């Protein structure tokens, strides 16, 4: 049976639905370091990886659309929407700015 190769930067899904990314592969030790969507980091043996493939419990997956799952980022909910839009408008555009303009 052909096994999925653990590739750093690729996303996979366990049969239970847990989404994770391979963040490191150590061929010398035969270990794979994975990070789940919630940020949990875990190490598994290559034998465990192959067993998951054999049991059809592991499949390639698309990266999540919401990348913030494993990143400690809080949404900007405390700021009212109109204030955020105004702030973004002030800081978003540098059109018309001439840094060489003489004063």
PDB file of N, CA and C in Angstrom:
ATOM      1  N   UNK A   1       0.828  -1.174   0.000  1.00  0.00           N
ATOM      2  CA  UNK A   1       0.000   0.000   0.000  1.00  0.00           C
ATOM      3  C   UNK A   1       0.880   1.248   0.000  1.00  0.00           C
ATOM      4  N   UNK A   2       0.498   2.259  -0.782  1.00  0.00           N
ATOM      5  CA  UNK A   2       1.249   3.510  -0.854  1.00  0.00           C
ATOM      6  C   UNK A   2       0.891   4.399   0.339  1.00  0.00           C
ATOM      7  N   UNK A   3       1.906   4.921   0.988  1.00  0.00           N
ATOM      8  CA  UNK A   3       1.691   5.785   2.139  1.00  0.00           C
ATOM      9  C   UNK A   3       1.821   7.236   1.715  1.00  0.00           C
ATOM     10  N   UNK A   4       1.061   8.116   2.380  1.00  0.00           N
ATOM     11  CA  UNK A   4       1.239   9.545   2.188  1.00  0.00           C
ATOM     12  C   UNK A   4       2.588   9.927   2.775  1.00  0.00           C
ATOM     13  N   UNK A   5       3.350  10.652   2.035  1.00  0.00           N
ATOM     14  CA  UNK A   5       4.623  11.135   2.555  1.00  0.00           C
ATOM     15  C   UNK A   5       4.358  12.358   3.425  1.00  0.00           C
ATOM     16  N   UNK A   6       4.885  12.388   4.654  1.00  0.00           N
ATOM     17  CA  UNK A   6       4.728  13.588   5.473  1.00  0.00           C
ATOM     18  C   UNK A   6       5.605  14.699   4.906  1.00  0.00           C
ATOM     19  N   UNK A   7       4.984  15.788   4.508  1.00  0.00           N
ATOM     20  CA  UNK A   7       5.700  16.893   3.882  1.00  0.00           C
ATOM     21  C   UNK A   7       5.517  18.148   4.713  1.00  0.00           C
ATOM     22  N   UNK A   8       6.624  18.780   5.085  1.00  0.00           N
ATOM     23  CA  UNK A   8       6.575  19.995   5.885  1.00  0.00           C
ATOM     24  C   UNK A   8       5.780  21.062   5.128  1.00  0.00           C
ATOM     25  N   UNK A   9       4.845  21.669   5.849  1.00  0.00           N
ATOM     26  CA  UNK A   9       4.013  22.722   5.272  1.00  0.00           C
ATOM     27  C   UNK A   9       2.705  22.230   4.683  1.00  0.00           C
ATOM     28  N   UNK A  10       2.546  20.904   4.576  1.00  0.00           N
ATOM     29  CA  UNK A  10       1.307  20.340   4.032  1.00  0.00           C
ATOM     30  C   UNK A  10       0.336  20.032   5.171  1.00  0.00           C
ATOM     31  N   UNK A  11      -0.949  20.079   4.852  1.00  0.00           N
ATOM     32  CA  UNK A  11      -2.014  19.830   5.826  1.00  0.00           C
ATOM     33  C   UNK A  11      -2.607  18.448   5.598  1.00  0.00           C
ATOM     34  N   UNK A  12      -3.018  17.820   6.694  1.00  0.00           N
ATOM     35  CA  UNK A  12      -3.602  16.489   6.662  1.00  0.00           C
ATOM     36  C   UNK A  12      -4.778  16.452   7.639  1.00  0.00           C
ATOM     37  N   UNK A  13      -5.613  15.432   7.483  1.00  0.00           N
ATOM     38  CA  UNK A  13      -6.771  15.264   8.363  1.00  0.00           C
ATOM     39  C   UNK A  13      -6.808  13.821   8.858  1.00  0.00           C
ATOM     40  N   UNK A  14      -7.018  13.663  10.161  1.00  0.00           N
ATOM     41  CA  UNK A  14      -7.214  12.344  10.754  1.00  0.00           C
ATOM     42  C   UNK A  14      -8.664  11.926  10.535  1.00  0.00           C
ATOM     43  N   UNK A  15      -8.933  10.643  10.648  1.00  0.00           N
ATOM     44  CA  UNK A  15     -10.298  10.142  10.422  1.00  0.00           C
ATOM     45  C   UNK A  15     -11.310  10.796  11.351  1.00  0.00           C
ATOM     46  N   UNK A  16     -10.893  11.227  12.513  1.00  0.00           N
ATOM     47  CA  UNK A  16     -11.780  11.906  13.454  1.00  0.00           C
ATOM     48  C   UNK A  16     -12.083  13.334  13.059  1.00  0.00           C
ATOM     49  N   UNK A  17     -11.440  13.815  11.995  1.00  0.00           N
ATOM     50  CA  UNK A  17     -11.697  15.166  11.518  1.00  0.00           C
ATOM     51  C   UNK A  17     -10.693  16.202  11.972  1.00  0.00           C
ATOM     52  N   UNK A  18      -9.717  15.816  12.797  1.00  0.00           N
ATOM     53  CA  UNK A  18      -8.741  16.786  13.269  1.00  0.00           C
ATOM     54  C   UNK A  18      -7.795  17.195  12.133  1.00  0.00           C
ATOM     55  N   UNK A  19      -7.646  18.491  11.957  1.00  0.00           N
ATOM     56  CA  UNK A  19      -6.804  19.054  10.916  1.00  0.00           C
ATOM     57  C   UNK A  19      -5.449  19.420  11.513  1.00  0.00           C
ATOM     58  N   UNK A  20      -4.363  19.061  10.819  1.00  0.00           N
ATOM     59  CA  UNK A  20      -3.032  19.404  11.310  1.00  0.00           C
ATOM     60  C   UNK A  20      -2.075  19.635  10.150  1.00  0.00           C
ATOM     61  N   UNK A  21      -0.976  20.327  10.478  1.00  0.00           N
ATOM     62  CA  UNK A  21       0.080  20.627   9.508  1.00  0.00           C
ATOM     63  C   UNK A  21       1.360  19.945   9.964  1.00  0.00           C
ATOM     64  N   UNK A  22       2.105  19.391   9.027  1.00  0.00           N
ATOM     65  CA  UNK A  22       3.415  18.838   9.347  1.00  0.00           C
ATOM     66  C   UNK A  22       4.387  20.021   9.431  1.00  0.00           C
ATOM     67  N   UNK A  23       5.037  20.183  10.583  1.00  0.00           N
ATOM     68  CA  UNK A  23       5.952  21.310  10.775  1.00  0.00           C
ATOM     69  C   UNK A  23       7.411  20.891  10.782  1.00  0.00           C
ATOM     70  N   UNK A  24       7.684  19.591  10.947  1.00  0.00           N
ATOM     71  CA  UNK A  24       9.069  19.103  10.907  1.00  0.00           C
ATOM     72  C   UNK A  24       9.077  17.598  10.690  1.00  0.00           C
ATOM     73  N   UNK A  25      10.083  17.149   9.966  1.00  0.00           N
ATOM     74  CA  UNK A  25      10.294  15.717   9.758  1.00  0.00           C
ATOM     75  C   UNK A  25      11.762  15.443  10.059  1.00  0.00           C
ATOM     76  N   UNK A  26      12.018  14.498  10.958  1.00  0.00           N
ATOM     77  CA  UNK A  26      13.381  14.117  11.300  1.00  0.00           C
ATOM     78  C   UNK A  26      13.597  12.682  10.830  1.00  0.00           C
ATOM     79  N   UNK A  27      14.208  12.549   9.668  1.00  0.00           N
ATOM     80  CA  UNK A  27      14.433  11.222   9.096  1.00  0.00           C
ATOM     81  C   UNK A  27      15.390  10.383   9.947  1.00  0.00           C
ATOM     82  N   UNK A  28      16.351  11.028  10.591  1.00  0.00           N
ATOM     83  CA  UNK A  28      17.308  10.297  11.424  1.00  0.00           C
ATOM     84  C   UNK A  28      16.629   9.638  12.626  1.00  0.00           C
ATOM     85  N   UNK A  29      15.728  10.375  13.275  1.00  0.00           N
ATOM     86  CA  UNK A  29      15.010   9.847  14.441  1.00  0.00           C
ATOM     87  C   UNK A  29      13.742   9.107  14.051  1.00  0.00           C
ATOM     88  N   UNK A  30      13.288   9.294  12.814  1.00  0.00           N
ATOM     89  CA  UNK A  30      12.042   8.666  12.388  1.00  0.00           C
ATOM     90  C   UNK A  30      10.823   9.291  13.033  1.00  0.00           C
ATOM     91  N   UNK A  31      10.885  10.633  13.256  1.00  0.00           N
ATOM     92  CA  UNK A  31       9.768  11.324  13.894  1.00  0.00           C
ATOM     93  C   UNK A  31       9.219  12.430  12.996  1.00  0.00           C
ATOM     94  N   UNK A  32       7.959  12.734  13.236  1.00  0.00           N
ATOM     95  CA  UNK A  32       7.259  13.789  12.506  1.00  0.00           C
ATOM     96  C   UNK A  32       6.628  14.695  13.546  1.00  0.00           C
ATOM     97  N   UNK A  33       6.860  15.996  13.429  1.00  0.00           N
ATOM     98  CA  UNK A  33       6.244  16.951  14.343  1.00  0.00           C
ATOM     99  C   UNK A  33       5.067  17.592  13.621  1.00  0.00           C
ATOM    100  N   UNK A  34       3.909  17.553  14.271  1.00  0.00           N
ATOM    101  CA  UNK A  34       2.698  18.110  13.678  1.00  0.00           C
ATOM    102  C   UNK A  34       2.120  19.169  14.603  1.00  0.00           C
ATOM    103  N   UNK A  35       1.421  20.130  13.992  1.00  0.00           N
ATOM    104  CA  UNK A  35       0.726  21.153  14.764  1.00  0.00           C
ATOM    105  C   UNK A  35      -0.733  21.127  14.349  1.00  0.00           C
ATOM    106  N   UNK A  36      -1.600  20.888  15.331  1.00  0.00           N
ATOM    107  CA  UNK A  36      -3.031  20.869  15.076  1.00  0.00           C
ATOM    108  C   UNK A  36      -3.541  22.294  14.891  1.00  0.00           C
ATOM    109  N   UNK A  37      -4.710  22.409  14.318  1.00  0.00           N
ATOM    110  CA  UNK A  37      -5.299  23.717  14.037  1.00  0.00           C
ATOM    111  C   UNK A  37      -5.419  24.574  15.293  1.00  0.00           C
ATOM    112  N   UNK A  38      -5.643  23.953  16.447  1.00  0.00           N
ATOM    113  CA  UNK A  38      -5.796  24.720  17.688  1.00  0.00           C
ATOM    114  C   UNK A  38      -4.463  25.168  18.279  1.00  0.00           C
ATOM    115  N   UNK A  39      -3.342  24.806  17.631  1.00  0.00           N
ATOM    116  CA  UNK A  39      -2.021  25.230  18.088  1.00  0.00           C
ATOM    117  C   UNK A  39      -1.237  24.169  18.821  1.00  0.00           C
ATOM    118  N   UNK A  40      -1.867  23.076  19.191  1.00  0.00           N
ATOM    119  CA  UNK A  40      -1.186  21.990  19.896  1.00  0.00           C
ATOM    120  C   UNK A  40      -0.128  21.358  18.998  1.00  0.00           C
ATOM    121  N   UNK A  41       1.068  21.193  19.532  1.00  0.00           N
ATOM    122  CA  UNK A  41       2.159  20.565  18.795  1.00  0.00           C
ATOM    123  C   UNK A  41       2.375  19.167  19.365  1.00  0.00           C
ATOM    124  N   UNK A  42       2.556  18.206  18.477  1.00  0.00           N
ATOM    125  CA  UNK A  42       2.726  16.812  18.892  1.00  0.00           C
ATOM    126  C   UNK A  42       3.758  16.144  17.987  1.00  0.00           C
ATOM    127  N   UNK A  43       4.450  15.183  18.542  1.00  0.00           N
ATOM    128  CA  UNK A  43       5.419  14.413  17.760  1.00  0.00           C
ATOM    129  C   UNK A  43       4.897  12.993  17.593  1.00  0.00           C
ATOM    130  N   UNK A  44       5.028  12.453  16.385  1.00  0.00           N
ATOM    131  CA  UNK A  44       4.631  11.059  16.171  1.00  0.00           C
ATOM    132  C   UNK A  44       5.747  10.328  15.450  1.00  0.00           C
ATOM    133  N   UNK A  45       5.803   9.031  15.695  1.00  0.00           N
ATOM    134  CA  UNK A  45       6.788   8.192  15.023  1.00  0.00           C
ATOM    135  C   UNK A  45       6.342   7.927  13.595  1.00  0.00           C
ATOM    136  N   UNK A  46       7.294   7.671  12.736  1.00  0.00           N
ATOM    137  CA  UNK A  46       6.984   7.332  11.347  1.00  0.00           C
ATOM    138  C   UNK A  46       6.108   6.080  11.290  1.00  0.00           C
ATOM    139  N   UNK A  47       6.325   5.145  12.230  1.00  0.00           N
ATOM    140  CA  UNK A  47       5.493   3.938  12.268  1.00  0.00           C
ATOM    141  C   UNK A  47       4.033   4.281  12.554  1.00  0.00           C
ATOM    142  N   UNK A  48       3.810   5.254  13.452  1.00  0.00           N
ATOM    143  CA  UNK A  48       2.438   5.689  13.754  1.00  0.00           C
ATOM    144  C   UNK A  48       1.803   6.336  12.524  1.00  0.00           C
ATOM    145  N   UNK A  49       2.589   7.132  11.814  1.00  0.00           N
ATOM    146  CA  UNK A  49       2.111   7.780  10.583  1.00  0.00           C
ATOM    147  C   UNK A  49       1.663   6.705   9.575  1.00  0.00           C
ATOM    148  N   UNK A  50       2.534   5.715   9.379  1.00  0.00           N
ATOM    149  CA  UNK A  50       2.224   4.650   8.427  1.00  0.00           C
ATOM    150  C   UNK A  50       1.012   3.838   8.869  1.00  0.00           C
ATOM    151  N   UNK A  51       0.870   3.613  10.174  1.00  0.00           N
ATOM    152  CA  UNK A  51      -0.291   2.881  10.683  1.00  0.00           C
ATOM    153  C   UNK A  51      -1.573   3.668  10.424  1.00  0.00           C
ATOM    154  N   UNK A  52      -1.519   4.983  10.601  1.00  0.00           N
ATOM    155  CA  UNK A  52      -2.690   5.817  10.321  1.00  0.00           C
ATOM    156  C   UNK A  52      -3.058   5.747   8.839  1.00  0.00           C
ATOM    157  N   UNK A  53      -2.056   5.746   7.971  1.00  0.00           N
ATOM    158  CA  UNK A  53      -2.302   5.632   6.528  1.00  0.00           C
ATOM    159  C   UNK A  53      -2.930   4.277   6.203  1.00  0.00           C
ATOM    160  N   UNK A  54      -2.401   3.236   6.818  1.00  0.00           N
ATOM    161  CA  UNK A  54      -2.870   1.876   6.560  1.00  0.00           C
ATOM    162  C   UNK A  54      -4.322   1.688   6.992  1.00  0.00           C
ATOM    163  N   UNK A  55      -4.690   2.317   8.087  1.00  0.00           N
ATOM    164  CA  UNK A  55      -6.049   2.209   8.604  1.00  0.00           C
ATOM    165  C   UNK A  55      -7.011   3.166   7.894  1.00  0.00           C
ATOM    166  N   UNK A  56      -6.516   3.845   6.867  1.00  0.00           N
ATOM    167  CA  UNK A  56      -7.303   4.853   6.138  1.00  0.00           C
ATOM    168  C   UNK A  56      -7.779   5.954   7.072  1.00  0.00           C
ATOM    169  N   UNK A  57      -6.971   6.232   8.070  1.00  0.00           N
ATOM    170  CA  UNK A  57      -7.333   7.264   9.035  1.00  0.00           C
ATOM    171  C   UNK A  57      -6.610   8.570   8.796  1.00  0.00           C
ATOM    172  N   UNK A  58      -5.913   8.666   7.688  1.00  0.00           N
ATOM    173  CA  UNK A  58      -5.123   9.856   7.408  1.00  0.00           C
ATOM    174  C   UNK A  58      -5.269  10.205   5.947  1.00  0.00           C
ATOM    175  N   UNK A  59      -5.559  11.485   5.674  1.00  0.00           N
ATOM    176  CA  UNK A  59      -5.704  11.924   4.288  1.00  0.00           C
ATOM    177  C   UNK A  59      -5.140  13.328   4.117  1.00  0.00           C
ATOM    178  N   UNK A  60      -4.717  13.633   2.907  1.00  0.00           N
ATOM    179  CA  UNK A  60      -4.260  14.983   2.595  1.00  0.00           C
ATOM    180  C   UNK A  60      -5.454  15.919   2.701  1.00  0.00           C
ATOM    181  N   UNK A  61      -5.217  17.160   3.111  1.00  0.00           N
ATOM    182  CA  UNK A  61      -6.302  18.124   3.285  1.00  0.00           C
ATOM    183  C   UNK A  61      -5.857  19.500   2.810  1.00  0.00           C
ATOM    184  N   UNK A  62      -6.825  20.325   2.526  1.00  0.00           N
ATOM    185  CA  UNK A  62      -6.561  21.712   2.165  1.00  0.00           C
ATOM    186  C   UNK A  62      -6.267  22.505   3.439  1.00  0.00           C
ATOM    187  N   UNK A  63      -5.424  23.526   3.354  1.00  0.00           N
ATOM    188  CA  UNK A  63      -5.200  24.370   4.530  1.00  0.00           C
ATOM    189  C   UNK A  63      -6.510  25.050   4.922  1.00  0.00           C
ATOM    190  N   UNK A  64      -6.673  25.363   6.191  1.00  0.00           N
ATOM    191  CA  UNK A  64      -7.912  26.017   6.616  1.00  0.00           C
ATOM    192  C   UNK A  64      -7.999  27.435   6.053  1.00  0.00           C
ATOM    193  N   UNK A  65      -9.217  27.873   5.783  1.00  0.00           N
ATOM    194  CA  UNK A  65      -9.408  29.250   5.312  1.00  0.00           C
ATOM    195  C   UNK A  65      -9.112  30.228   6.429  1.00  0.00           C
ATOM    196  N   UNK A  66      -9.493  29.854   7.644  1.00  0.00           N
ATOM    197  CA  UNK A  66      -9.255  30.699   8.812  1.00  0.00           C
ATOM    198  C   UNK A  66      -7.927  30.299   9.428  1.00  0.00           C
ATOM    199  N   UNK A  67      -6.855  30.952   9.012  1.00  0.00           N
ATOM    200  CA  UNK A  67      -5.510  30.588   9.449  1.00  0.00           C
ATOM    201  C   UNK A  67      -5.244  30.936  10.896  1.00  0.00           C
ATOM    202  N   UNK A  68      -6.114  31.686  11.549  1.00  0.00           N
ATOM    203  CA  UNK A  68      -5.846  32.160  12.902  1.00  0.00           C
ATOM    204  C   UNK A  68      -6.035  31.094  13.970  1.00  0.00           C
ATOM    205  N   UNK A  69      -6.459  29.882  13.609  1.00  0.00           N
ATOM    206  CA  UNK A  69      -6.705  28.833  14.600  1.00  0.00           C
ATOM    207  C   UNK A  69      -5.504  28.532  15.460  1.00  0.00           C
ATOM    208  N   UNK A  70      -4.334  28.420  14.868  1.00  0.00           N
ATOM    209  CA  UNK A  70      -3.152  28.076  15.647  1.00  0.00           C
ATOM    210  C   UNK A  70      -2.320  29.299  16.029  1.00  0.00           C
ATOM    211  N   UNK A  71      -2.824  30.479  15.703  1.00  0.00           N
ATOM    212  CA  UNK A  71      -2.121  31.713  16.010  1.00  0.00           C
ATOM    213  C   UNK A  71      -2.915  32.441  17.087  1.00  0.00           C
ATOM    214  N   UNK A  72      -2.225  32.965  18.066  1.00  0.00           N
ATOM    215  CA  UNK A  72      -2.895  33.644  19.164  1.00  0.00           C
ATOM    216  C   UNK A  72      -3.241  35.073  18.753  1.00  0.00           C
ATOM    217  N   UNK A  73      -4.300  35.207  17.961  1.00  0.00           N
ATOM    218  CA  UNK A  73      -4.741  36.510  17.474  1.00  0.00           C
ATOM    219  C   UNK A  73      -6.193  36.686  17.866  1.00  0.00           C
ATOM    220  N   UNK A  74      -6.490  37.786  18.510  1.00  0.00           N
ATOM    221  CA  UNK A  74      -7.868  38.082  18.884  1.00  0.00           C
ATOM    222  C   UNK A  74      -8.468  39.010  17.843  1.00  0.00           C
ATOM    223  N   UNK A  75      -9.699  38.759  17.426  1.00  0.00           N
ATOM    224  CA  UNK A  75     -10.344  39.672  16.500  1.00  0.00           C
ATOM    225  C   UNK A  75     -10.534  41.037  17.145  1.00  0.00           C
ATOM    226  N   UNK A  76     -10.576  42.062  16.343  1.00  0.00           N
ATOM    227  CA  UNK A  76     -10.697  43.439  16.805  1.00  0.00           C
ATOM    228  C   UNK A  76     -12.169  43.752  17.083  1.00  0.00           C
ATOM    229  N   UNK A  77     -12.757  43.069  18.061  1.00  0.00           N
ATOM    230  CA  UNK A  77     -14.190  43.194  18.330  1.00  0.00           C
ATOM    231  C   UNK A  77     -14.533  44.373  19.230  1.00  0.00           C
ATOM    232  N   UNK A  78     -13.568  44.866  20.000  1.00  0.00           N
ATOM    233  CA  UNK A  78     -13.871  45.948  20.937  1.00  0.00           C
ATOM    234  C   UNK A  78     -14.041  47.288  20.238  1.00  0.00           C
ATOM    235  N   UNK A  79     -13.513  47.412  19.045  1.00  0.00           N
ATOM    236  CA  UNK A  79     -13.586  48.661  18.305  1.00  0.00           C
ATOM    237  C   UNK A  79     -14.816  48.630  17.401  1.00  0.00           C
ATOM    238  N   UNK A  80     -15.667  49.641  17.483  1.00  0.00           N
ATOM    239  CA  UNK A  80     -16.835  49.665  16.602  1.00  0.00           C
ATOM    240  C   UNK A  80     -16.431  49.629  15.138  1.00  0.00           C
ATOM    241  N   UNK A  81     -17.259  49.013  14.317  1.00  0.00           N
ATOM    242  CA  UNK A  81     -16.985  48.828  12.883  1.00  0.00           C
ATOM    243  C   UNK A  81     -16.681  50.154  12.182  1.00  0.00           C
ATOM    244  N   UNK A  82     -17.456  51.199  12.444  1.00  0.00           N
ATOM    245  CA  UNK A  82     -17.241  52.499  11.788  1.00  0.00           C
ATOM    246  C   UNK A  82     -15.869  53.065  12.139  1.00  0.00           C
ATOM    247  N   UNK A  83     -15.472  52.905  13.407  1.00  0.00           N
ATOM    248  CA  UNK A  83     -14.160  53.404  13.834  1.00  0.00           C
ATOM    249  C   UNK A  83     -13.036  52.622  13.161  1.00  0.00           C
ATOM    250  N   UNK A  84     -13.203  51.286  13.036  1.00  0.00           N
ATOM    251  CA  UNK A  84     -12.190  50.474  12.344  1.00  0.00           C
ATOM    252  C   UNK A  84     -12.080  50.885  10.891  1.00  0.00           C
ATOM    253  N   UNK A  85     -13.233  51.123  10.227  1.00  0.00           N
ATOM    254  CA  UNK A  85     -13.222  51.534   8.818  1.00  0.00           C
ATOM    255  C   UNK A  85     -12.516  52.865   8.648  1.00  0.00           C
ATOM    256  N   UNK A  86     -12.789  53.806   9.561  1.00  0.00           N
ATOM    257  CA  UNK A  86     -12.152  55.128   9.488  1.00  0.00           C
ATOM    258  C   UNK A  86     -10.644  55.001   9.692  1.00  0.00           C
ATOM    259  N   UNK A  87     -10.243  54.188  10.682  1.00  0.00           N
ATOM    260  CA  UNK A  87      -8.816  53.972  10.944  1.00  0.00           C
ATOM    261  C   UNK A  87      -8.140  53.347   9.735  1.00  0.00           C
ATOM    262  N   UNK A  88      -8.785  52.341   9.142  1.00  0.00           N
ATOM    263  CA  UNK A  88      -8.221  51.689   7.967  1.00  0.00           C
ATOM    264  C   UNK A  88      -8.092  52.655   6.805  1.00  0.00           C
ATOM    265  N   UNK A  89      -9.057  53.551   6.653  1.00  0.00           N
ATOM    266  CA  UNK A  89      -9.006  54.538   5.575  1.00  0.00           C
ATOM    267  C   UNK A  89      -7.848  55.500   5.786  1.00  0.00           C
ATOM    268  N   UNK A  90      -7.601  55.880   7.050  1.00  0.00           N
ATOM    269  CA  UNK A  90      -6.501  56.808   7.337  1.00  0.00           C
ATOM    270  C   UNK A  90      -5.145  56.160   7.125  1.00  0.00           C
ATOM    271  N   UNK A  91      -5.014  54.897   7.486  1.00  0.00           N
ATOM    272  CA  UNK A  91      -3.704  54.249   7.432  1.00  0.00           C
ATOM    273  C   UNK A  91      -3.503  53.389   6.202  1.00  0.00           C
ATOM    274  N   UNK A  92      -4.556  53.178   5.421  1.00  0.00           N
ATOM    275  CA  UNK A  92      -4.481  52.243   4.305  1.00  0.00           C
ATOM    276  C   UNK A  92      -3.886  52.797   3.033  1.00  0.00           C
ATOM    277  N   UNK A  93      -3.987  54.087   2.809  1.00  0.00           N
ATOM    278  CA  UNK A  93      -3.560  54.623   1.523  1.00  0.00           C
ATOM    279  C   UNK A  93      -2.452  55.646   1.687  1.00  0.00           C
ATOM    280  N   UNK A  94      -1.461  55.524   0.856  1.00  0.00           N
ATOM    281  CA  UNK A  94      -0.368  56.491   0.832  1.00  0.00           C
ATOM    282  C   UNK A  94      -0.371  57.263  -0.485  1.00  0.00           C
ATOM    283  N   UNK A  95      -1.494  57.192  -1.224  1.00  0.00           N
ATOM    284  CA  UNK A  95      -1.609  57.920  -2.487  1.00  0.00           C
ATOM    285  C   UNK A  95      -1.407  59.402  -2.233  1.00  0.00           C
ATOM    286  N   UNK A  96      -0.679  60.044  -3.101  1.00  0.00           N
ATOM    287  CA  UNK A  96      -0.457  61.465  -3.000  1.00  0.00           C
ATOM    288  C   UNK A  96       0.668  61.839  -2.059  1.00  0.00           C
ATOM    289  N   UNK A  97       1.271  60.905  -1.410  1.00  0.00           N
ATOM    290  CA  UNK A  97       2.365  61.188  -0.486  1.00  0.00           C
ATOM    291  C   UNK A  97       3.654  61.255  -1.282  1.00  0.00           C
ATOM    292  N   UNK A  98       4.320  62.370  -1.188  1.00  0.00           N
ATOM    293  CA  UNK A  98       5.593  62.551  -1.874  1.00  0.00           C
ATOM    294  C   UNK A  98       6.661  62.721  -0.813  1.00  0.00           C
ATOM    295  N   UNK A  99       7.456  61.709  -0.589  1.00  0.00           N
ATOM    296  CA  UNK A  99       8.445  61.776   0.490  1.00  0.00           C
ATOM    297  C   UNK A  99       9.591  62.734   0.165  1.00  0.00           C
ATOM    298  N   UNK A 100       9.679  63.154  -1.103  1.00  0.00           N
ATOM    299  CA  UNK A 100      10.747  64.055  -1.497  1.00  0.00           C
ATOM    300  C   UNK A 100      10.252  65.498  -1.609  1.00  0.00           C
ATOM    301  N   UNK A 101       9.026  65.726  -1.194  1.00  0.00           N
ATOM    302  CA  UNK A 101       8.445  67.058  -1.294  1.00  0.00           C
ATOM    303  C   UNK A 101       9.161  67.994  -0.322  1.00  0.00           C
ATOM    304  N   UNK A 102       9.558  69.153  -0.830  1.00  0.00           N
ATOM    305  CA  UNK A 102      10.238  70.145   0.016  1.00  0.00           C
ATOM    306  C   UNK A 102       9.207  70.885   0.854  1.00  0.00           C
ATOM    307  N   UNK A 103       9.588  71.227   2.039  1.00  0.00           N
ATOM    308  CA  UNK A 103       8.673  71.983   2.935  1.00  0.00           C
ATOM    309  C   UNK A 103       8.975  73.429   2.863  1.00  0.00           C
TER     310      UNK A 103
END
